[in-house]
Amino acid sequence: MNGLVVLLISFFGLVLFRVPIAFSMGLSSMITAWSMGLSLNVIMRNIFEGVNSFSLLAVPFFLLAGMIMNQGKVTDRLLELSQALVGHIR
């Protein structure tokens, strides 16, 4: 059977059984790969290589650093410093 047909049928079948969307997407992808004869090891290696990127990891760590700075009141002091340095300039 065509890979797209297997993917759509398995996805909508899982959604009809009230499986959460994220799990339905993952399971339907695995079912499609299995029906096409792809190895699970190859699929997992490709997923890991796609996610293992500096750019993708930089964004959550940047947000985490901002949250830590906000909890420690560092951001308030940085804003006061910038206001003192250039606050008089319009």
PDB file of N, CA and C in Angstrom:
ATOM      1  N   MET A   1       0.847  -1.176   0.000  1.00  0.00           N
ATOM      2  CA  MET A   1       0.000   0.000   0.000  1.00  0.00           C
ATOM      3  C   MET A   1       0.894   1.241   0.000  1.00  0.00           C
ATOM      4  N   ASN A   2       0.372   2.311  -0.526  1.00  0.00           N
ATOM      5  CA  ASN A   2       1.109   3.564  -0.605  1.00  0.00           C
ATOM      6  C   ASN A   2       1.401   4.097   0.806  1.00  0.00           C
ATOM      7  N   GLY A   3       2.611   4.669   0.999  1.00  0.00           N
ATOM      8  CA  GLY A   3       3.008   5.165   2.311  1.00  0.00           C
ATOM      9  C   GLY A   3       2.113   6.275   2.827  1.00  0.00           C
ATOM     10  N   LEU A   4       1.678   7.158   1.928  1.00  0.00           N
ATOM     11  CA  LEU A   4       0.813   8.259   2.336  1.00  0.00           C
ATOM     12  C   LEU A   4      -0.537   7.758   2.824  1.00  0.00           C
ATOM     13  N   VAL A   5      -1.064   6.743   2.152  1.00  0.00           N
ATOM     14  CA  VAL A   5      -2.364   6.184   2.548  1.00  0.00           C
ATOM     15  C   VAL A   5      -2.255   5.548   3.925  1.00  0.00           C
ATOM     16  N   VAL A   6      -1.171   4.793   4.152  1.00  0.00           N
ATOM     17  CA  VAL A   6      -0.969   4.160   5.461  1.00  0.00           C
ATOM     18  C   VAL A   6      -0.833   5.222   6.541  1.00  0.00           C
ATOM     19  N   LEU A   7      -0.084   6.276   6.242  1.00  0.00           N
ATOM     20  CA  LEU A   7       0.117   7.352   7.209  1.00  0.00           C
ATOM     21  C   LEU A   7      -1.204   8.013   7.581  1.00  0.00           C
ATOM     22  N   LEU A   8      -2.001   8.369   6.594  1.00  0.00           N
ATOM     23  CA  LEU A   8      -3.265   9.063   6.867  1.00  0.00           C
ATOM     24  C   LEU A   8      -4.269   8.169   7.578  1.00  0.00           C
ATOM     25  N   ILE A   9      -4.376   6.923   7.130  1.00  0.00           N
ATOM     26  CA  ILE A   9      -5.331   6.012   7.767  1.00  0.00           C
ATOM     27  C   ILE A   9      -4.944   5.750   9.213  1.00  0.00           C
ATOM     28  N   SER A  10      -3.658   5.489   9.456  1.00  0.00           N
ATOM     29  CA  SER A  10      -3.235   5.215  10.833  1.00  0.00           C
ATOM     30  C   SER A  10      -3.379   6.458  11.707  1.00  0.00           C
ATOM     31  N   PHE A  11      -3.055   7.636  11.177  1.00  0.00           N
ATOM     32  CA  PHE A  11      -3.178   8.852  11.968  1.00  0.00           C
ATOM     33  C   PHE A  11      -4.632   9.121  12.355  1.00  0.00           C
ATOM     34  N   PHE A  12      -5.508   9.133  11.360  1.00  0.00           N
ATOM     35  CA  PHE A  12      -6.909   9.434  11.671  1.00  0.00           C
ATOM     36  C   PHE A  12      -7.566   8.327  12.472  1.00  0.00           C
ATOM     37  N   GLY A  13      -7.112   7.084  12.286  1.00  0.00           N
ATOM     38  CA  GLY A  13      -7.622   5.990  13.115  1.00  0.00           C
ATOM     39  C   GLY A  13      -7.252   6.178  14.573  1.00  0.00           C
ATOM     40  N   LEU A  14      -6.016   6.568  14.823  1.00  0.00           N
ATOM     41  CA  LEU A  14      -5.588   6.803  16.205  1.00  0.00           C
ATOM     42  C   LEU A  14      -6.295   8.011  16.806  1.00  0.00           C
ATOM     43  N   VAL A  15      -6.516   9.051  15.997  1.00  0.00           N
ATOM     44  CA  VAL A  15      -7.230  10.232  16.501  1.00  0.00           C
ATOM     45  C   VAL A  15      -8.670   9.865  16.849  1.00  0.00           C
ATOM     46  N   LEU A  16      -9.293   8.997  16.029  1.00  0.00           N
ATOM     47  CA  LEU A  16     -10.660   8.568  16.326  1.00  0.00           C
ATOM     48  C   LEU A  16     -10.740   7.746  17.605  1.00  0.00           C
ATOM     49  N   PHE A  17      -9.641   7.065  17.948  1.00  0.00           N
ATOM     50  CA  PHE A  17      -9.595   6.317  19.205  1.00  0.00           C
ATOM     51  C   PHE A  17      -9.170   7.196  20.377  1.00  0.00           C
ATOM     52  N   ARG A  18      -9.172   8.505  20.144  1.00  0.00           N
ATOM     53  CA  ARG A  18      -8.907   9.515  21.165  1.00  0.00           C
ATOM     54  C   ARG A  18      -7.490   9.429  21.737  1.00  0.00           C
ATOM     55  N   VAL A  19      -6.536   9.040  20.905  1.00  0.00           N
ATOM     56  CA  VAL A  19      -5.123   9.084  21.274  1.00  0.00           C
ATOM     57  C   VAL A  19      -4.670  10.533  21.079  1.00  0.00           C
ATOM     58  N   PRO A  20      -3.893  11.089  22.001  1.00  0.00           N
ATOM     59  CA  PRO A  20      -3.434  12.471  21.829  1.00  0.00           C
ATOM     60  C   PRO A  20      -2.696  12.662  20.495  1.00  0.00           C
ATOM     61  N   ILE A  21      -2.804  13.882  19.952  1.00  0.00           N
ATOM     62  CA  ILE A  21      -2.279  14.182  18.622  1.00  0.00           C
ATOM     63  C   ILE A  21      -0.779  13.888  18.521  1.00  0.00           C
ATOM     64  N   ALA A  22      -0.008  14.274  19.522  1.00  0.00           N
ATOM     65  CA  ALA A  22       1.440  14.062  19.461  1.00  0.00           C
ATOM     66  C   ALA A  22       1.766  12.580  19.361  1.00  0.00           C
ATOM     67  N   PHE A  23       1.092  11.758  20.156  1.00  0.00           N
ATOM     68  CA  PHE A  23       1.324  10.316  20.104  1.00  0.00           C
ATOM     69  C   PHE A  23       0.802   9.725  18.797  1.00  0.00           C
ATOM     70  N   SER A  24      -0.305  10.259  18.299  1.00  0.00           N
ATOM     71  CA  SER A  24      -0.846   9.782  17.024  1.00  0.00           C
ATOM     72  C   SER A  24       0.124  10.060  15.889  1.00  0.00           C
ATOM     73  N   MET A  25       0.746  11.233  15.910  1.00  0.00           N
ATOM     74  CA  MET A  25       1.719  11.553  14.861  1.00  0.00           C
ATOM     75  C   MET A  25       2.914  10.609  14.919  1.00  0.00           C
ATOM     76  N   GLY A  26       3.429  10.378  16.115  1.00  0.00           N
ATOM     77  CA  GLY A  26       4.588   9.503  16.262  1.00  0.00           C
ATOM     78  C   GLY A  26       4.276   8.065  15.908  1.00  0.00           C
ATOM     79  N   LEU A  27       3.161   7.561  16.426  1.00  0.00           N
ATOM     80  CA  LEU A  27       2.791   6.169  16.154  1.00  0.00           C
ATOM     81  C   LEU A  27       2.460   5.942  14.689  1.00  0.00           C
ATOM     82  N   SER A  28       1.766   6.877  14.070  1.00  0.00           N
ATOM     83  CA  SER A  28       1.435   6.697  12.657  1.00  0.00           C
ATOM     84  C   SER A  28       2.694   6.751  11.795  1.00  0.00           C
ATOM     85  N   SER A  29       3.666   7.571  12.185  1.00  0.00           N
ATOM     86  CA  SER A  29       4.940   7.591  11.461  1.00  0.00           C
ATOM     87  C   SER A  29       5.671   6.270  11.606  1.00  0.00           C
ATOM     88  N   MET A  30       5.664   5.704  12.816  1.00  0.00           N
ATOM     89  CA  MET A  30       6.306   4.408  13.033  1.00  0.00           C
ATOM     90  C   MET A  30       5.602   3.301  12.267  1.00  0.00           C
ATOM     91  N   ILE A  31       4.277   3.332  12.247  1.00  0.00           N
ATOM     92  CA  ILE A  31       3.510   2.324  11.505  1.00  0.00           C
ATOM     93  C   ILE A  31       3.812   2.421  10.015  1.00  0.00           C
ATOM     94  N   THR A  32       3.890   3.632   9.504  1.00  0.00           N
ATOM     95  CA  THR A  32       4.190   3.829   8.081  1.00  0.00           C
ATOM     96  C   THR A  32       5.593   3.340   7.750  1.00  0.00           C
ATOM     97  N   ALA A  33       6.550   3.671   8.606  1.00  0.00           N
ATOM     98  CA  ALA A  33       7.923   3.230   8.366  1.00  0.00           C
ATOM     99  C   ALA A  33       8.017   1.709   8.417  1.00  0.00           C
ATOM    100  N   TRP A  34       7.320   1.098   9.353  1.00  0.00           N
ATOM    101  CA  TRP A  34       7.315  -0.363   9.470  1.00  0.00           C
ATOM    102  C   TRP A  34       6.684  -1.003   8.244  1.00  0.00           C
ATOM    103  N   SER A  35       5.584  -0.413   7.748  1.00  0.00           N
ATOM    104  CA  SER A  35       4.923  -0.979   6.574  1.00  0.00           C
ATOM    105  C   SER A  35       5.762  -0.820   5.311  1.00  0.00           C
ATOM    106  N   MET A  36       6.647   0.181   5.285  1.00  0.00           N
ATOM    107  CA  MET A  36       7.520   0.383   4.139  1.00  0.00           C
ATOM    108  C   MET A  36       8.819  -0.412   4.258  1.00  0.00           C
ATOM    109  N   GLY A  37       9.016  -1.096   5.389  1.00  0.00           N
ATOM    110  CA  GLY A  37      10.190  -1.936   5.570  1.00  0.00           C
ATOM    111  C   GLY A  37      11.424  -1.208   6.051  1.00  0.00           C
ATOM    112  N   LEU A  38      11.270  -0.021   6.607  1.00  0.00           N
ATOM    113  CA  LEU A  38      12.418   0.735   7.109  1.00  0.00           C
ATOM    114  C   LEU A  38      12.796   0.240   8.495  1.00  0.00           C
ATOM    115  N   SER A  39      14.089   0.278   8.797  1.00  0.00           N
ATOM    116  CA  SER A  39      14.588  -0.177  10.086  1.00  0.00           C
ATOM    117  C   SER A  39      14.333   0.884  11.153  1.00  0.00           C
ATOM    118  N   LEU A  40      13.956   0.437  12.345  1.00  0.00           N
ATOM    119  CA  LEU A  40      13.703   1.366  13.444  1.00  0.00           C
ATOM    120  C   LEU A  40      14.998   2.064  13.865  1.00  0.00           C
ATOM    121  N   ASN A  41      16.128   1.365  13.769  1.00  0.00           N
ATOM    122  CA  ASN A  41      17.413   1.973  14.129  1.00  0.00           C
ATOM    123  C   ASN A  41      17.755   3.140  13.209  1.00  0.00           C
ATOM    124  N   VAL A  42      17.494   2.978  11.932  1.00  0.00           N
ATOM    125  CA  VAL A  42      17.781   4.048  10.972  1.00  0.00           C
ATOM    126  C   VAL A  42      16.883   5.249  11.246  1.00  0.00           C
ATOM    127  N   ILE A  43      15.635   5.004  11.549  1.00  0.00           N
ATOM    128  CA  ILE A  43      14.693   6.089  11.830  1.00  0.00           C
ATOM    129  C   ILE A  43      15.116   6.854  13.079  1.00  0.00           C
ATOM    130  N   MET A  44      15.456   6.140  14.145  1.00  0.00           N
ATOM    131  CA  MET A  44      15.859   6.804  15.391  1.00  0.00           C
ATOM    132  C   MET A  44      17.162   7.589  15.206  1.00  0.00           C
ATOM    133  N   ARG A  45      18.105   7.046  14.433  1.00  0.00           N
ATOM    134  CA  ARG A  45      19.357   7.758  14.187  1.00  0.00           C
ATOM    135  C   ARG A  45      19.091   9.049  13.407  1.00  0.00           C
ATOM    136  N   ASN A  46      18.202   8.997  12.428  1.00  0.00           N
ATOM    137  CA  ASN A  46      17.875  10.201  11.654  1.00  0.00           C
ATOM    138  C   ASN A  46      17.166  11.244  12.508  1.00  0.00           C
ATOM    139  N   ILE A  47      16.283  10.801  13.392  1.00  0.00           N
ATOM    140  CA  ILE A  47      15.594  11.734  14.286  1.00  0.00           C
ATOM    141  C   ILE A  47      16.603  12.407  15.208  1.00  0.00           C
ATOM    142  N   PHE A  48      17.512  11.615  15.784  1.00  0.00           N
ATOM    143  CA  PHE A  48      18.508  12.182  16.696  1.00  0.00           C
ATOM    144  C   PHE A  48      19.425  13.158  15.979  1.00  0.00           C
ATOM    145  N   GLU A  49      19.855  12.820  14.774  1.00  0.00           N
ATOM    146  CA  GLU A  49      20.728  13.718  14.021  1.00  0.00           C
ATOM    147  C   GLU A  49      20.013  15.007  13.638  1.00  0.00           C
ATOM    148  N   GLY A  50      18.711  14.938  13.408  1.00  0.00           N
ATOM    149  CA  GLY A  50      17.960  16.142  13.074  1.00  0.00           C
ATOM    150  C   GLY A  50      17.765  17.061  14.261  1.00  0.00           C
ATOM    151  N   VAL A  51      17.634  16.485  15.452  1.00  0.00           N
ATOM    152  CA  VAL A  51      17.394  17.285  16.652  1.00  0.00           C
ATOM    153  C   VAL A  51      18.701  17.756  17.272  1.00  0.00           C
ATOM    154  N   ASN A  52      19.786  17.027  17.041  1.00  0.00           N
ATOM    155  CA  ASN A  52      21.075  17.345  17.637  1.00  0.00           C
ATOM    156  C   ASN A  52      21.722  18.492  16.867  1.00  0.00           C
ATOM    157  N   SER A  53      21.204  19.681  17.072  1.00  0.00           N
ATOM    158  CA  SER A  53      21.685  20.855  16.362  1.00  0.00           C
ATOM    159  C   SER A  53      21.897  21.985  17.363  1.00  0.00           C
ATOM    160  N   PHE A  54      22.998  22.708  17.198  1.00  0.00           N
ATOM    161  CA  PHE A  54      23.283  23.816  18.102  1.00  0.00           C
ATOM    162  C   PHE A  54      22.202  24.885  18.024  1.00  0.00           C
ATOM    163  N   SER A  55      21.720  25.161  16.828  1.00  0.00           N
ATOM    164  CA  SER A  55      20.703  26.201  16.662  1.00  0.00           C
ATOM    165  C   SER A  55      19.412  25.841  17.386  1.00  0.00           C
ATOM    166  N   LEU A  56      19.032  24.584  17.323  1.00  0.00           N
ATOM    167  CA  LEU A  56      17.804  24.181  18.004  1.00  0.00           C
ATOM    168  C   LEU A  56      17.971  24.178  19.513  1.00  0.00           C
ATOM    169  N   LEU A  57      19.170  23.899  20.003  1.00  0.00           N
ATOM    170  CA  LEU A  57      19.402  23.890  21.441  1.00  0.00           C
ATOM    171  C   LEU A  57      19.611  25.298  21.996  1.00  0.00           C
ATOM    172  N   ALA A  58      20.036  26.243  21.166  1.00  0.00           N
ATOM    173  CA  ALA A  58      20.327  27.595  21.640  1.00  0.00           C
ATOM    174  C   ALA A  58      19.055  28.315  22.082  1.00  0.00           C
ATOM    175  N   VAL A  59      17.963  28.100  21.392  1.00  0.00           N
ATOM    176  CA  VAL A  59      16.728  28.835  21.704  1.00  0.00           C
ATOM    177  C   VAL A  59      16.193  28.489  23.094  1.00  0.00           C
ATOM    178  N   PRO A  60      15.994  27.202  23.459  1.00  0.00           N
ATOM    179  CA  PRO A  60      15.492  26.942  24.812  1.00  0.00           C
ATOM    180  C   PRO A  60      16.462  27.367  25.909  1.00  0.00           C
ATOM    181  N   PHE A  61      17.779  27.237  25.670  1.00  0.00           N
ATOM    182  CA  PHE A  61      18.731  27.668  26.686  1.00  0.00           C
ATOM    183  C   PHE A  61      18.756  29.185  26.820  1.00  0.00           C
ATOM    184  N   PHE A  62      18.530  29.909  25.728  1.00  0.00           N
ATOM    185  CA  PHE A  62      18.434  31.362  25.798  1.00  0.00           C
ATOM    186  C   PHE A  62      17.216  31.767  26.628  1.00  0.00           C
ATOM    187  N   LEU A  63      16.095  31.097  26.413  1.00  0.00           N
ATOM    188  CA  LEU A  63      14.901  31.381  27.199  1.00  0.00           C
ATOM    189  C   LEU A  63      15.111  31.032  28.668  1.00  0.00           C
ATOM    190  N   LEU A  64      15.792  29.907  28.930  1.00  0.00           N
ATOM    191  CA  LEU A  64      16.081  29.518  30.309  1.00  0.00           C
ATOM    192  C   LEU A  64      16.966  30.556  30.994  1.00  0.00           C
ATOM    193  N   ALA A  65      17.985  31.049  30.289  1.00  0.00           N
ATOM    194  CA  ALA A  65      18.852  32.078  30.865  1.00  0.00           C
ATOM    195  C   ALA A  65      18.066  33.338  31.182  1.00  0.00           C
ATOM    196  N   GLY A  66      17.149  33.716  30.299  1.00  0.00           N
ATOM    197  CA  GLY A  66      16.312  34.888  30.564  1.00  0.00           C
ATOM    198  C   GLY A  66      15.414  34.700  31.769  1.00  0.00           C
ATOM    199  N   MET A  67      14.855  33.508  31.921  1.00  0.00           N
ATOM    200  CA  MET A  67      14.001  33.242  33.085  1.00  0.00           C
ATOM    201  C   MET A  67      14.807  33.262  34.381  1.00  0.00           C
ATOM    202  N   ILE A  68      16.007  32.700  34.342  1.00  0.00           N
ATOM    203  CA  ILE A  68      16.861  32.724  35.538  1.00  0.00           C
ATOM    204  C   ILE A  68      17.254  34.151  35.893  1.00  0.00           C
ATOM    205  N   MET A  69      17.596  34.953  34.890  1.00  0.00           N
ATOM    206  CA  MET A  69      17.950  36.349  35.144  1.00  0.00           C
ATOM    207  C   MET A  69      16.766  37.122  35.697  1.00  0.00           C
ATOM    208  N   ASN A  70      15.570  36.814  35.216  1.00  0.00           N
ATOM    209  CA  ASN A  70      14.376  37.510  35.696  1.00  0.00           C
ATOM    210  C   ASN A  70      14.073  37.133  37.146  1.00  0.00           C
ATOM    211  N   GLN A  71      14.246  35.864  37.495  1.00  0.00           N
ATOM    212  CA  GLN A  71      13.997  35.439  38.877  1.00  0.00           C
ATOM    213  C   GLN A  71      15.024  36.031  39.844  1.00  0.00           C
ATOM    214  N   GLY A  72      16.251  36.209  39.379  1.00  0.00           N
ATOM    215  CA  GLY A  72      17.305  36.765  40.226  1.00  0.00           C
ATOM    216  C   GLY A  72      17.345  38.281  40.225  1.00  0.00           C
ATOM    217  N   LYS A  73      16.393  38.911  39.578  1.00  0.00           N
ATOM    218  CA  LYS A  73      16.277  40.382  39.494  1.00  0.00           C
ATOM    219  C   LYS A  73      17.455  41.023  38.760  1.00  0.00           C
ATOM    220  N   VAL A  74      18.168  40.236  37.961  1.00  0.00           N
ATOM    221  CA  VAL A  74      19.267  40.782  37.164  1.00  0.00           C
ATOM    222  C   VAL A  74      18.707  41.697  36.082  1.00  0.00           C
ATOM    223  N   THR A  75      17.553  41.333  35.528  1.00  0.00           N
ATOM    224  CA  THR A  75      16.973  42.139  34.453  1.00  0.00           C
ATOM    225  C   THR A  75      16.588  43.529  34.942  1.00  0.00           C
ATOM    226  N   ASP A  76      16.114  43.616  36.174  1.00  0.00           N
ATOM    227  CA  ASP A  76      15.769  44.932  36.714  1.00  0.00           C
ATOM    228  C   ASP A  76      17.010  45.821  36.801  1.00  0.00           C
ATOM    229  N   ARG A  77      18.105  45.237  37.257  1.00  0.00           N
ATOM    230  CA  ARG A  77      19.344  46.016  37.373  1.00  0.00           C
ATOM    231  C   ARG A  77      19.901  46.390  35.998  1.00  0.00           C
ATOM    232  N   LEU A  78      19.758  45.495  35.023  1.00  0.00           N
ATOM    233  CA  LEU A  78      20.209  45.822  33.663  1.00  0.00           C
ATOM    234  C   LEU A  78      19.392  46.964  33.063  1.00  0.00           C
ATOM    235  N   LEU A  79      18.090  46.953  33.311  1.00  0.00           N
ATOM    236  CA  LEU A  79      17.248  48.039  32.821  1.00  0.00           C
ATOM    237  C   LEU A  79      17.576  49.361  33.510  1.00  0.00           C
ATOM    238  N   GLU A  80      17.851  49.314  34.800  1.00  0.00           N
ATOM    239  CA  GLU A  80      18.249  50.536  35.510  1.00  0.00           C
ATOM    240  C   GLU A  80      19.574  51.065  34.972  1.00  0.00           C
ATOM    241  N   LEU A  81      20.524  50.171  34.674  1.00  0.00           N
ATOM    242  CA  LEU A  81      21.804  50.592  34.119  1.00  0.00           C
ATOM    243  C   LEU A  81      21.624  51.230  32.741  1.00  0.00           C
ATOM    244  N   SER A  82      20.825  50.595  31.887  1.00  0.00           N
ATOM    245  CA  SER A  82      20.609  51.167  30.554  1.00  0.00           C
ATOM    246  C   SER A  82      19.859  52.494  30.636  1.00  0.00           C
ATOM    247  N   GLN A  83      18.950  52.613  31.574  1.00  0.00           N
ATOM    248  CA  GLN A  83      18.238  53.886  31.770  1.00  0.00           C
ATOM    249  C   GLN A  83      19.204  54.970  32.227  1.00  0.00           C
ATOM    250  N   ALA A  84      20.146  54.619  33.102  1.00  0.00           N
ATOM    251  CA  ALA A  84      21.125  55.604  33.587  1.00  0.00           C
ATOM    252  C   ALA A  84      22.099  56.009  32.489  1.00  0.00           C
ATOM    253  N   LEU A  85      22.457  55.059  31.625  1.00  0.00           N
ATOM    254  CA  LEU A  85      23.436  55.361  30.579  1.00  0.00           C
ATOM    255  C   LEU A  85      22.841  56.138  29.407  1.00  0.00           C
ATOM    256  N   VAL A  86      21.686  55.710  28.922  1.00  0.00           N
ATOM    257  CA  VAL A  86      21.126  56.313  27.715  1.00  0.00           C
ATOM    258  C   VAL A  86      19.678  56.753  27.871  1.00  0.00           C
ATOM    259  N   GLY A  87      19.209  56.811  29.103  1.00  0.00           N
ATOM    260  CA  GLY A  87      17.809  57.171  29.327  1.00  0.00           C
ATOM    261  C   GLY A  87      17.486  58.612  28.976  1.00  0.00           C
ATOM    262  N   HIS A  88      18.476  59.474  29.010  1.00  0.00           N
ATOM    263  CA  HIS A  88      18.244  60.889  28.711  1.00  0.00           C
ATOM    264  C   HIS A  88      18.132  61.148  27.194  1.00  0.00           C
ATOM    265  N   ILE A  89      18.530  60.180  26.370  1.00  0.00           N
ATOM    266  CA  ILE A  89      18.479  60.339  24.916  1.00  0.00           C
ATOM    267  C   ILE A  89      17.112  59.912  24.423  1.00  0.00           C
ATOM    268  N   ARG A  90      16.471  60.761  23.641  1.00  0.00           N
ATOM    269  CA  ARG A  90      15.151  60.423  23.087  1.00  0.00           C
ATOM    270  C   ARG A  90      15.294  59.896  21.685  1.00  0.00           C
TER     271      ARG A  90
END
